[in-house]
Amino acid sequence: MNLPTICVFGLGAGTLDQMTLSTYKRLKNSNKLYVRTKAHPVMEELELEGLTIHPFDDVYEVHDTFQPVYEAIVERLVSEASSQDEPVLYAVPGHPLVAEETVQRLLEKERQGVIQLQIEGGQSFLDPVFTALRMDPSEGFQLLDATSFTSSDWSLNQHLILTQVYDFFTASNVKLSLMEQLPDDYRVRIVKEAGGAGESVVEMPLYELDRAFQETSNLAVVYVPPVREEMLTRHTFRRLREVIHVLRSPDGCPWDRKQTHQSLKKYLLEEAYEVLEAIDEDDDDHLIEELGDVLLQVMLHSQIGEDEGYFTIDDVIKTLTDKMIRRHPHVFSTATAETSEDVVTNWDEIKKQEKQGKENDQSELTGIPKSMPALMVSYELQKKAAKVGFSWETAAPMWQKLEEEIWEWKEAISEQHDESDIKKELGDVLFIVVNLARFYRLQPEEALQMTNTKFKKRFMHIEKRLLEQGQTMNDVSLEAMDRFWDEAKQLERESEGE
């Protein structure tokens, strides 16, 4: 059984003399020609040649967006082809396989075994666009659809041509997306009717782009030249990776070259704490800087891995992406999670499955980094123990246990036990305090950091007030310092009340 056949022809980029001879002969001898749109320079010439043309422009008027338009056109073509013995002839602007969504959908129908497709080439609009721009696409070139364009789609070091820039709205969206990566006055160009009698190339600053599309046009493209100025690429991951590579290269920085995973450990910890400080300060600029410093540590470790031939930043990113997808089946698969508690339950179960079969992972308490601060290790140990039921269900026995541990600590001090015993009793006090914090869903490390910050601010306030009076802490009594301490507390309350 023969499948219904659709023959697709490319009308070329401009006038009739730009159409291929084989396409012209085939269309000239046709009884009926379907075209996606009559808004093409060659349409009038074809009608003068006596062709009967059936455009799909009416479909555009029915729908508000392009996707249902393309779907409707394809369905009508398939229906026509199924109802007759002869192939259906369908013509599109330019080349059928360049920026032509309806042809892509017809190709999908062919893959599904619904139709048989024949494609006759035509001159793509790209050839006259390249000529108009005096551009060599082999330098690196991207062709993207403006209706779905986002700034992350574009590689700044490549030529960019945006098609489907029909109107003010589309051009405005393109402008805003480009401004996420480019300065407002970056020079772009609009090419209209490339290869035709009305061809024009207009250059303008990016912020004026949408003003050039006050009237609807389906024969225009936007050209964005590759970014050559290094300063304009410093926000990109690619440039960051280049910088780190240079720093670690033989001609780079002596300090960066000699670093190892081991030598960098302390810096990663310091930078992480500085991020926490920036968060507590509620200072976005400071947070940006400190997050950058943490990212620097990730990049340095990854570059060391690449230099030694073990792994690259791409491996780090892929491993993280795989993990996020795997541990969020309620987002990327068929699992369900209605609450954040459900998410945590799923997450823990997936982690448990991942660890099955691994050596030294038989205990419920494995997986806690040894280098983590003791307060955080205590919290994680108790959290893991609680998940298997080894925990009090109410706070009352915890408070009772805290009183016992404090008494034992005081007793060890009063009876002058050796220092080791006193430290153990203090550790017991801290351990039960952490357990209480966990019960009340508080992170003790964060709480202590907040108190440290509060103490530092109040202490510095005392220093400032004494300095205003020409004094230092060595000049005044504790009672005098306490007055300024209380003053700092009052200022904090007033600030929080604003």
Protein backbone atom coordinates (compact mmCIF):
# COMPACT_ATOMS: atom_id res chain seq x y z
CA MET A 1 0.00 0.00 0.00
CA ASN A 2 1.40 3.36 -1.07
CA LEU A 3 1.40 6.11 1.48
CA PRO A 4 -0.13 9.52 0.70
CA THR A 5 2.61 11.71 -0.80
CA ILE A 6 3.41 15.37 -0.18
CA CYS A 7 6.04 17.12 -2.29
CA VAL A 8 7.61 20.15 -0.62
CA PHE A 9 9.29 22.86 -2.70
CA GLY A 10 11.51 25.75 -1.70
CA LEU A 11 10.49 29.02 -3.34
CA GLY A 12 13.88 30.61 -2.80
CA ALA A 13 14.67 33.81 -1.00
CA GLY A 14 13.35 36.39 -3.42
CA THR A 15 12.16 36.75 -7.00
CA LEU A 16 11.31 34.11 -9.59
CA ASP A 17 14.80 34.15 -11.14
CA GLN A 18 16.20 32.89 -7.84
CA MET A 19 14.07 29.75 -7.94
CA THR A 20 15.74 26.54 -9.14
CA LEU A 21 14.87 25.49 -12.67
CA SER A 22 13.59 22.06 -11.60
CA THR A 23 11.25 23.62 -9.04
CA TYR A 24 9.97 26.14 -11.58
CA LYS A 25 9.19 23.41 -14.14
CA ARG A 26 7.42 21.23 -11.57
CA LEU A 27 5.28 24.10 -10.28
CA LYS A 28 4.55 25.37 -13.80
CA ASN A 29 2.98 22.01 -14.70
CA SER A 30 0.94 21.69 -11.50
CA ASN A 31 -2.81 22.07 -11.28
CA LYS A 32 -2.92 23.04 -7.63
CA LEU A 33 -0.23 24.46 -5.37
CA TYR A 34 -0.52 24.88 -1.60
CA VAL A 35 1.68 27.56 -0.04
CA ARG A 36 2.21 28.38 3.60
CA THR A 37 1.80 32.07 2.88
CA LYS A 38 1.32 34.42 -0.05
CA ALA A 39 3.51 36.97 1.73
CA HIS A 40 6.51 36.18 -0.46
CA PRO A 41 7.91 38.16 -3.42
CA VAL A 42 7.56 35.26 -5.87
CA MET A 43 3.82 34.71 -5.32
CA GLU A 44 2.63 37.45 -7.67
CA GLU A 45 4.95 36.22 -10.44
CA LEU A 46 3.71 32.65 -10.06
CA GLU A 47 0.10 33.75 -10.34
CA LEU A 48 0.98 35.67 -13.52
CA GLU A 49 2.40 32.38 -14.80
CA GLY A 50 -1.11 30.94 -14.41
CA LEU A 51 -0.63 28.81 -11.29
CA THR A 52 -3.61 28.10 -9.05
CA ILE A 53 -2.39 28.91 -5.55
CA HIS A 54 -4.03 27.93 -2.27
CA PRO A 55 -2.41 29.79 0.63
CA PHE A 56 -2.84 29.02 4.32
CA ASP A 57 -2.91 32.65 5.39
CA ASP A 58 -6.46 32.21 6.66
CA VAL A 59 -5.16 29.79 9.30
CA TYR A 60 -2.97 32.53 10.77
CA GLU A 61 -6.05 34.68 11.31
CA VAL A 62 -7.79 31.98 13.36
CA HIS A 63 -5.02 31.39 15.92
CA ASP A 64 -3.15 33.73 18.24
CA THR A 65 0.11 31.75 18.37
CA PHE A 66 2.20 29.99 15.74
CA GLN A 67 2.19 26.43 17.08
CA PRO A 68 -1.52 25.75 16.42
CA VAL A 69 -1.10 27.43 13.01
CA TYR A 70 1.62 24.99 12.00
CA GLU A 71 -0.36 22.07 13.38
CA ALA A 72 -3.48 23.06 11.43
CA ILE A 73 -1.55 23.48 8.16
CA VAL A 74 0.05 20.05 8.49
CA GLU A 75 -3.26 18.37 9.31
CA ARG A 76 -4.90 19.92 6.22
CA LEU A 77 -2.02 18.85 4.00
CA VAL A 78 -2.14 15.30 5.32
CA SER A 79 -5.90 15.22 4.85
CA GLU A 80 -5.61 16.44 1.25
CA ALA A 81 -2.88 13.92 0.47
CA SER A 82 -4.96 11.09 1.96
CA SER A 83 -7.99 11.95 -0.16
CA GLN A 84 -6.33 11.86 -3.60
CA ASP A 85 -4.08 9.63 -5.67
CA GLU A 86 -1.75 12.38 -6.89
CA PRO A 87 0.94 13.92 -4.67
CA VAL A 88 0.03 17.17 -2.94
CA LEU A 89 2.36 20.03 -3.85
CA TYR A 90 3.32 22.35 -1.02
CA ALA A 91 5.67 25.34 -1.31
CA VAL A 92 7.42 27.30 1.42
CA PRO A 93 9.70 30.36 1.40
CA GLY A 94 13.44 29.80 1.09
CA HIS A 95 14.71 26.24 1.57
CA PRO A 96 12.26 23.69 3.04
CA LEU A 97 14.74 22.55 5.71
CA VAL A 98 15.84 25.99 6.92
CA ALA A 99 13.70 27.59 9.64
CA GLU A 100 10.48 25.96 8.39
CA GLU A 101 8.43 24.48 11.23
CA THR A 102 5.67 23.02 9.04
CA VAL A 103 8.22 20.90 7.16
CA GLN A 104 9.68 19.64 10.43
CA ARG A 105 6.20 18.54 11.46
CA LEU A 106 5.68 16.83 8.09
CA LEU A 107 8.96 14.99 8.61
CA GLU A 108 7.62 13.74 11.94
CA LYS A 109 4.48 12.47 10.16
CA GLU A 110 6.77 10.64 7.74
CA ARG A 111 8.70 9.05 10.64
CA GLN A 112 5.35 7.89 12.05
CA GLY A 113 4.51 6.20 8.75
CA VAL A 114 1.55 8.51 8.01
CA ILE A 115 2.82 10.03 4.75
CA GLN A 116 5.63 9.85 2.25
CA LEU A 117 7.57 13.09 1.82
CA GLN A 118 9.53 14.38 -1.15
CA ILE A 119 11.62 17.52 -0.70
CA GLU A 120 12.88 19.78 -3.49
CA GLY A 121 15.50 22.28 -2.36
CA GLY A 122 15.49 25.99 -2.93
CA GLN A 123 17.76 28.90 -2.24
CA SER A 124 17.79 29.55 1.48
CA PHE A 125 17.33 33.11 2.72
CA LEU A 126 20.65 32.61 4.50
CA ASP A 127 22.74 32.98 1.34
CA PRO A 128 21.58 36.53 0.56
CA VAL A 129 21.67 37.39 4.29
CA PHE A 130 25.33 36.31 4.47
CA THR A 131 26.02 38.40 1.40
CA ALA A 132 24.19 41.45 2.73
CA LEU A 133 26.10 41.24 6.02
CA ARG A 134 29.45 40.40 4.36
CA MET A 135 29.61 37.56 6.86
CA ASP A 136 31.55 34.28 6.89
CA PRO A 137 29.45 31.71 8.82
CA SER A 138 32.45 29.38 9.18
CA GLU A 139 33.72 31.74 11.93
CA GLY A 140 30.95 30.34 14.12
CA PHE A 141 27.28 30.94 13.42
CA GLN A 142 23.93 30.34 15.12
CA LEU A 143 20.49 30.49 13.52
CA LEU A 144 17.74 30.75 16.14
CA ASP A 145 13.99 31.27 16.23
CA ALA A 146 13.09 34.61 17.82
CA THR A 147 9.72 33.34 19.05
CA SER A 148 11.43 30.94 21.48
CA PHE A 149 14.75 32.73 21.98
CA THR A 150 16.34 33.07 25.42
CA SER A 151 19.72 34.60 26.17
CA SER A 152 21.09 31.26 27.38
CA ASP A 153 20.65 29.84 23.85
CA TRP A 154 23.36 32.07 22.42
CA SER A 155 27.15 31.67 22.42
CA LEU A 156 28.46 35.22 22.58
CA ASN A 157 31.53 34.48 20.47
CA GLN A 158 29.44 33.45 17.45
CA HIS A 159 27.49 35.30 14.78
CA LEU A 160 23.78 35.21 15.61
CA ILE A 161 20.89 35.46 13.16
CA LEU A 162 17.37 35.53 14.57
CA THR A 163 14.49 34.58 12.30
CA GLN A 164 10.74 34.94 12.87
CA VAL A 165 11.09 38.52 14.10
CA TYR A 166 7.65 39.49 12.88
CA ASP A 167 6.53 42.44 14.93
CA PHE A 168 7.13 44.87 17.79
CA PHE A 169 6.24 42.31 20.45
CA THR A 170 8.67 39.66 19.18
CA ALA A 171 11.43 42.23 18.66
CA SER A 172 10.87 43.56 22.18
CA ASN A 173 11.26 40.08 23.69
CA VAL A 174 14.45 39.57 21.67
CA LYS A 175 15.80 42.92 22.83
CA LEU A 176 15.16 42.17 26.49
CA SER A 177 16.74 38.72 26.22
CA LEU A 178 19.84 40.11 24.53
CA MET A 179 20.13 42.86 27.13
CA GLU A 180 20.63 40.17 29.77
CA GLN A 181 24.07 39.64 28.24
CA LEU A 182 24.84 42.79 26.28
CA PRO A 183 24.99 46.53 27.01
CA ASP A 184 21.98 48.53 25.87
CA ASP A 185 23.96 50.33 23.17
CA TYR A 186 25.47 47.21 21.57
CA ARG A 187 25.22 47.56 17.78
CA VAL A 188 22.89 45.12 15.98
CA ARG A 189 21.57 45.02 12.43
CA ILE A 190 18.23 44.34 10.78
CA VAL A 191 18.25 42.78 7.31
CA LYS A 192 15.02 43.10 5.33
CA GLU A 193 14.13 41.40 2.04
CA ALA A 194 17.60 39.91 1.63
CA GLY A 195 18.27 39.16 -2.03
CA GLY A 196 15.19 41.06 -3.18
CA ALA A 197 14.70 44.40 -4.85
CA GLY A 198 13.91 46.06 -1.53
CA GLU A 199 16.90 44.68 0.39
CA SER A 200 18.12 46.87 3.24
CA VAL A 201 20.55 46.58 6.14
CA VAL A 202 20.05 48.97 9.05
CA GLU A 203 22.38 49.20 12.05
CA MET A 204 21.18 50.50 15.41
CA PRO A 205 21.82 50.28 19.15
CA LEU A 206 20.14 47.30 20.79
CA TYR A 207 17.76 49.43 22.85
CA GLU A 208 16.12 50.70 19.62
CA LEU A 209 15.53 47.25 18.11
CA ASP A 210 11.79 46.97 18.75
CA ARG A 211 11.14 50.47 17.38
CA ALA A 212 12.17 49.21 13.95
CA PHE A 213 9.27 46.73 13.96
CA GLN A 214 6.32 49.06 14.34
CA GLU A 215 4.87 47.36 11.26
CA THR A 216 4.57 43.60 10.82
CA SER A 217 7.25 42.06 8.60
CA ASN A 218 7.92 38.43 7.67
CA LEU A 219 10.99 39.18 5.55
CA ALA A 220 13.31 40.48 8.24
CA VAL A 221 16.06 38.95 10.37
CA VAL A 222 18.06 40.38 13.26
CA TYR A 223 21.82 40.02 13.22
CA VAL A 224 23.93 40.21 16.39
CA PRO A 225 27.71 40.35 15.77
CA PRO A 226 29.96 38.13 17.90
CA VAL A 227 31.23 39.76 21.06
CA ARG A 228 34.92 40.59 20.66
CA GLU A 229 35.42 42.81 23.71
CA GLU A 230 36.70 40.69 26.59
CA MET A 231 35.02 42.86 29.24
CA LEU A 232 31.60 41.93 27.85
CA THR A 233 32.20 38.19 28.34
CA ARG A 234 33.24 38.20 31.98
CA HIS A 235 29.79 37.15 33.17
CA THR A 236 29.94 33.91 31.17
CA PHE A 237 30.91 30.50 32.51
CA ARG A 238 33.11 29.96 29.49
CA ARG A 239 35.26 33.01 30.30
CA LEU A 240 35.53 32.00 33.97
CA ARG A 241 36.75 28.57 32.93
CA GLU A 242 39.35 30.17 30.63
CA VAL A 243 40.60 32.43 33.44
CA ILE A 244 41.03 29.52 35.88
CA HIS A 245 42.82 27.52 33.18
CA VAL A 246 45.24 30.41 32.58
CA LEU A 247 45.90 30.84 36.31
CA ARG A 248 46.86 27.16 36.58
CA SER A 249 48.92 27.14 33.36
CA PRO A 250 52.75 27.27 33.30
CA ASP A 251 52.59 30.99 32.52
CA GLY A 252 49.91 31.64 35.13
CA CYS A 253 50.02 32.46 38.83
CA PRO A 254 52.68 30.72 41.01
CA TRP A 255 50.27 30.49 43.96
CA ASP A 256 47.45 28.95 41.91
CA ARG A 257 49.83 26.52 40.18
CA LYS A 258 51.09 25.01 43.43
CA GLN A 259 47.67 24.42 45.02
CA THR A 260 46.35 20.90 45.62
CA HIS A 261 43.03 19.49 46.80
CA GLN A 262 44.54 19.24 50.28
CA SER A 263 45.97 22.77 50.39
CA LEU A 264 42.65 24.30 49.32
CA LYS A 265 40.54 22.58 52.00
CA LYS A 266 40.81 25.40 54.54
CA TYR A 267 39.82 28.03 51.98
CA LEU A 268 36.63 26.22 51.02
CA LEU A 269 35.58 26.10 54.65
CA GLU A 270 36.40 29.78 55.20
CA GLU A 271 34.49 30.85 52.08
CA ALA A 272 31.44 28.81 53.11
CA TYR A 273 31.33 30.59 56.46
CA GLU A 274 31.68 33.96 54.77
CA VAL A 275 28.63 33.12 52.64
CA LEU A 276 26.68 32.45 55.84
CA GLU A 277 27.84 35.79 57.21
CA ALA A 278 26.68 37.61 54.06
CA ILE A 279 23.29 35.91 54.34
CA ASP A 280 22.96 36.99 57.97
CA GLU A 281 23.88 40.54 56.98
CA ASP A 282 21.11 40.49 54.35
CA ASP A 283 23.61 42.12 51.99
CA ASP A 284 23.07 40.99 48.38
CA ASP A 285 26.26 42.57 47.02
CA HIS A 286 28.30 40.87 49.72
CA LEU A 287 26.49 37.59 49.07
CA ILE A 288 27.29 37.80 45.34
CA GLU A 289 30.95 38.26 46.14
CA GLU A 290 31.10 35.43 48.65
CA LEU A 291 29.19 32.99 46.45
CA GLY A 292 31.73 33.81 43.77
CA ASP A 293 34.52 32.88 46.16
CA VAL A 294 32.86 29.51 46.82
CA LEU A 295 32.52 29.00 43.06
CA LEU A 296 36.21 29.82 42.70
CA GLN A 297 37.03 26.92 45.01
CA VAL A 298 34.89 24.57 42.91
CA MET A 299 36.60 25.78 39.74
CA LEU A 300 40.10 25.40 41.20
CA HIS A 301 39.43 21.86 42.42
CA SER A 302 37.95 20.99 39.01
CA GLN A 303 40.93 22.48 37.16
CA ILE A 304 43.32 20.50 39.39
CA GLY A 305 41.30 17.39 38.51
CA GLU A 306 41.60 18.25 34.81
CA ASP A 307 45.35 18.99 35.06
CA GLU A 308 45.89 15.61 36.71
CA GLY A 309 43.71 13.85 34.15
CA TYR A 310 41.06 12.56 36.55
CA PHE A 311 37.99 14.75 36.01
CA THR A 312 36.82 18.12 34.69
CA ILE A 313 34.19 20.68 35.63
CA ASP A 314 31.95 18.98 33.05
CA ASP A 315 32.08 15.78 35.11
CA VAL A 316 31.19 17.77 38.24
CA ILE A 317 28.22 19.40 36.52
CA LYS A 318 26.99 16.15 34.95
CA THR A 319 27.22 14.30 38.26
CA LEU A 320 25.23 17.03 39.97
CA THR A 321 22.63 17.19 37.21
CA ASP A 322 22.20 13.42 37.23
CA LYS A 323 21.79 13.45 41.00
CA MET A 324 19.20 16.26 40.97
CA ILE A 325 17.12 14.48 38.34
CA ARG A 326 17.47 11.11 40.07
CA ARG A 327 16.54 12.49 43.49
CA HIS A 328 13.57 14.51 42.22
CA PRO A 329 11.42 11.82 40.60
CA HIS A 330 8.32 13.83 41.55
CA VAL A 331 9.52 16.51 39.12
CA PHE A 332 11.33 14.54 36.39
CA SER A 333 9.50 11.20 36.56
CA THR A 334 6.24 9.66 37.78
CA ALA A 335 6.68 9.75 41.56
CA THR A 336 4.55 12.05 43.70
CA ALA A 337 5.41 14.40 46.55
CA GLU A 338 2.72 16.75 47.81
CA THR A 339 4.70 18.30 50.67
CA SER A 340 8.29 19.16 51.48
CA GLU A 341 8.24 16.30 54.00
CA ASP A 342 7.35 13.89 51.18
CA VAL A 343 10.31 15.23 49.21
CA VAL A 344 12.69 14.58 52.11
CA THR A 345 11.32 11.05 52.55
CA ASN A 346 11.82 10.30 48.84
CA TRP A 347 15.28 11.86 48.93
CA ASP A 348 16.40 9.73 51.89
CA GLU A 349 15.05 6.55 50.34
CA ILE A 350 16.85 7.23 47.05
CA LYS A 351 20.09 7.96 48.93
CA LYS A 352 19.68 4.66 50.75
CA GLN A 353 19.23 2.80 47.46
CA GLU A 354 22.29 4.53 46.01
CA LYS A 355 24.44 3.33 48.92
CA GLN A 356 23.33 -0.29 48.74
CA GLY A 357 26.27 -2.54 47.98
CA LYS A 358 28.91 0.05 48.76
CA GLU A 359 31.63 -0.92 51.19
CA ASN A 360 31.73 0.58 54.68
CA ASP A 361 28.17 1.85 54.35
CA GLN A 362 26.49 -0.68 56.61
CA SER A 363 25.91 1.73 59.51
CA GLU A 364 23.08 4.25 59.56
CA LEU A 365 25.61 6.84 60.76
CA THR A 366 27.90 6.78 57.74
CA GLY A 367 28.12 9.61 55.24
CA ILE A 368 28.87 12.47 57.67
CA PRO A 369 32.05 14.33 56.64
CA LYS A 370 34.76 14.08 59.31
CA SER A 371 35.90 17.64 58.62
CA MET A 372 32.47 19.11 59.44
CA PRO A 373 32.35 21.27 62.60
CA ALA A 374 31.62 19.21 65.72
CA LEU A 375 28.31 20.97 66.36
CA MET A 376 27.08 20.05 62.88
CA VAL A 377 28.40 16.47 63.18
CA SER A 378 26.45 16.11 66.43
CA TYR A 379 23.30 17.39 64.74
CA GLU A 380 23.68 15.00 61.77
CA LEU A 381 24.42 12.01 64.01
CA GLN A 382 21.29 12.59 66.04
CA LYS A 383 19.19 13.25 62.96
CA LYS A 384 20.26 9.95 61.40
CA ALA A 385 19.66 8.09 64.66
CA ALA A 386 16.20 9.60 64.96
CA LYS A 387 15.24 8.34 61.50
CA VAL A 388 15.48 4.76 62.74
CA GLY A 389 13.66 5.50 65.99
CA PHE A 390 16.60 6.08 68.32
CA SER A 391 15.32 9.34 69.80
CA TRP A 392 12.94 10.68 72.43
CA GLU A 393 9.51 11.45 71.07
CA THR A 394 8.90 14.46 73.35
CA ALA A 395 11.06 17.29 74.65
CA ALA A 396 10.45 16.67 78.39
CA PRO A 397 13.04 13.91 78.86
CA MET A 398 15.54 15.98 76.86
CA TRP A 399 15.16 18.92 79.22
CA GLN A 400 15.54 16.55 82.17
CA LYS A 401 18.64 15.06 80.62
CA LEU A 402 20.06 18.56 80.06
CA GLU A 403 19.66 19.35 83.77
CA GLU A 404 21.45 16.09 84.66
CA GLU A 405 24.33 16.80 82.30
CA ILE A 406 24.75 20.36 83.58
CA TRP A 407 24.83 19.05 87.18
CA GLU A 408 27.44 16.42 86.24
CA TRP A 409 29.55 19.05 84.51
CA LYS A 410 29.40 21.37 87.54
CA GLU A 411 30.23 18.44 89.81
CA ALA A 412 33.28 17.54 87.72
CA ILE A 413 34.48 21.14 88.02
CA SER A 414 33.80 21.48 91.75
CA GLU A 415 35.49 18.15 92.56
CA GLN A 416 38.44 19.16 90.40
CA HIS A 417 38.33 16.20 88.09
CA ASP A 418 41.06 16.09 85.46
CA GLU A 419 40.59 18.28 82.39
CA SER A 420 39.68 15.35 80.14
CA ASP A 421 36.71 14.40 82.36
CA ILE A 422 35.51 18.00 82.50
CA LYS A 423 35.66 18.25 78.70
CA LYS A 424 33.63 15.04 78.37
CA GLU A 425 30.94 16.39 80.69
CA LEU A 426 30.85 19.66 78.74
CA GLY A 427 30.53 17.65 75.53
CA ASP A 428 27.55 15.82 77.01
CA VAL A 429 25.89 19.16 77.78
CA LEU A 430 26.47 20.41 74.25
CA PHE A 431 25.25 17.12 72.76
CA ILE A 432 21.89 17.26 74.53
CA VAL A 433 21.52 20.96 73.64
CA VAL A 434 22.00 19.97 70.00
CA ASN A 435 19.36 17.26 70.43
CA LEU A 436 16.91 19.82 71.79
CA ALA A 437 17.71 22.13 68.86
CA ARG A 438 17.01 19.29 66.42
CA PHE A 439 13.72 18.49 68.16
CA TYR A 440 12.60 22.11 67.73
CA ARG A 441 13.76 22.12 64.09
CA LEU A 442 16.60 24.56 64.76
CA GLN A 443 20.10 24.35 63.27
CA PRO A 444 22.44 24.84 66.26
CA GLU A 445 25.39 25.86 64.09
CA GLU A 446 23.31 28.63 62.55
CA ALA A 447 21.98 29.68 65.97
CA LEU A 448 25.48 29.93 67.41
CA GLN A 449 26.67 31.87 64.38
CA MET A 450 23.83 34.35 64.93
CA THR A 451 24.81 34.75 68.57
CA ASN A 452 28.46 35.20 67.62
CA THR A 453 27.47 37.95 65.18
CA LYS A 454 25.25 39.58 67.79
CA PHE A 455 28.03 39.48 70.39
CA LYS A 456 30.52 40.98 67.92
CA LYS A 457 28.19 43.87 67.04
CA ARG A 458 27.45 44.70 70.68
CA PHE A 459 31.10 44.45 71.68
CA MET A 460 32.13 46.75 68.84
CA HIS A 461 29.39 49.19 69.91
CA ILE A 462 30.99 49.35 73.37
CA GLU A 463 34.39 50.04 71.77
CA LYS A 464 32.89 52.78 69.61
CA ARG A 465 31.10 54.52 72.49
CA LEU A 466 34.19 54.42 74.68
CA LEU A 467 36.30 55.78 71.84
CA GLU A 468 33.86 58.70 71.51
CA GLN A 469 34.61 59.48 75.16
CA GLY A 470 38.35 59.13 74.69
CA GLN A 471 38.48 55.90 76.68
CA THR A 472 39.28 52.23 76.20
CA MET A 473 37.97 49.14 77.94
CA ASN A 474 40.96 49.18 80.23
CA ASP A 475 39.81 52.59 81.56
CA VAL A 476 36.30 51.66 82.72
CA SER A 477 34.53 49.14 84.92
CA LEU A 478 32.43 46.18 83.77
CA GLU A 479 29.34 48.05 84.95
CA ALA A 480 30.15 50.93 82.57
CA MET A 481 30.62 48.53 79.69
CA ASP A 482 27.33 46.79 80.57
CA ARG A 483 25.49 50.12 80.14
CA PHE A 484 26.74 50.39 76.58
CA TRP A 485 25.92 46.71 76.05
CA ASP A 486 22.32 47.40 77.05
CA GLU A 487 22.35 50.45 74.80
CA ALA A 488 23.38 48.23 71.87
CA LYS A 489 20.52 45.84 72.68
CA GLN A 490 18.04 48.72 72.67
CA LEU A 491 19.30 49.94 69.30
CA GLU A 492 18.84 46.42 67.92
CA ARG A 493 15.22 46.33 69.17
CA GLU A 494 14.49 49.71 67.61
CA SER A 495 16.06 48.61 64.32
CA GLU A 496 14.04 45.37 64.27
CA GLY A 497 10.85 47.32 64.98
CA GLU A 498 11.25 49.55 61.92
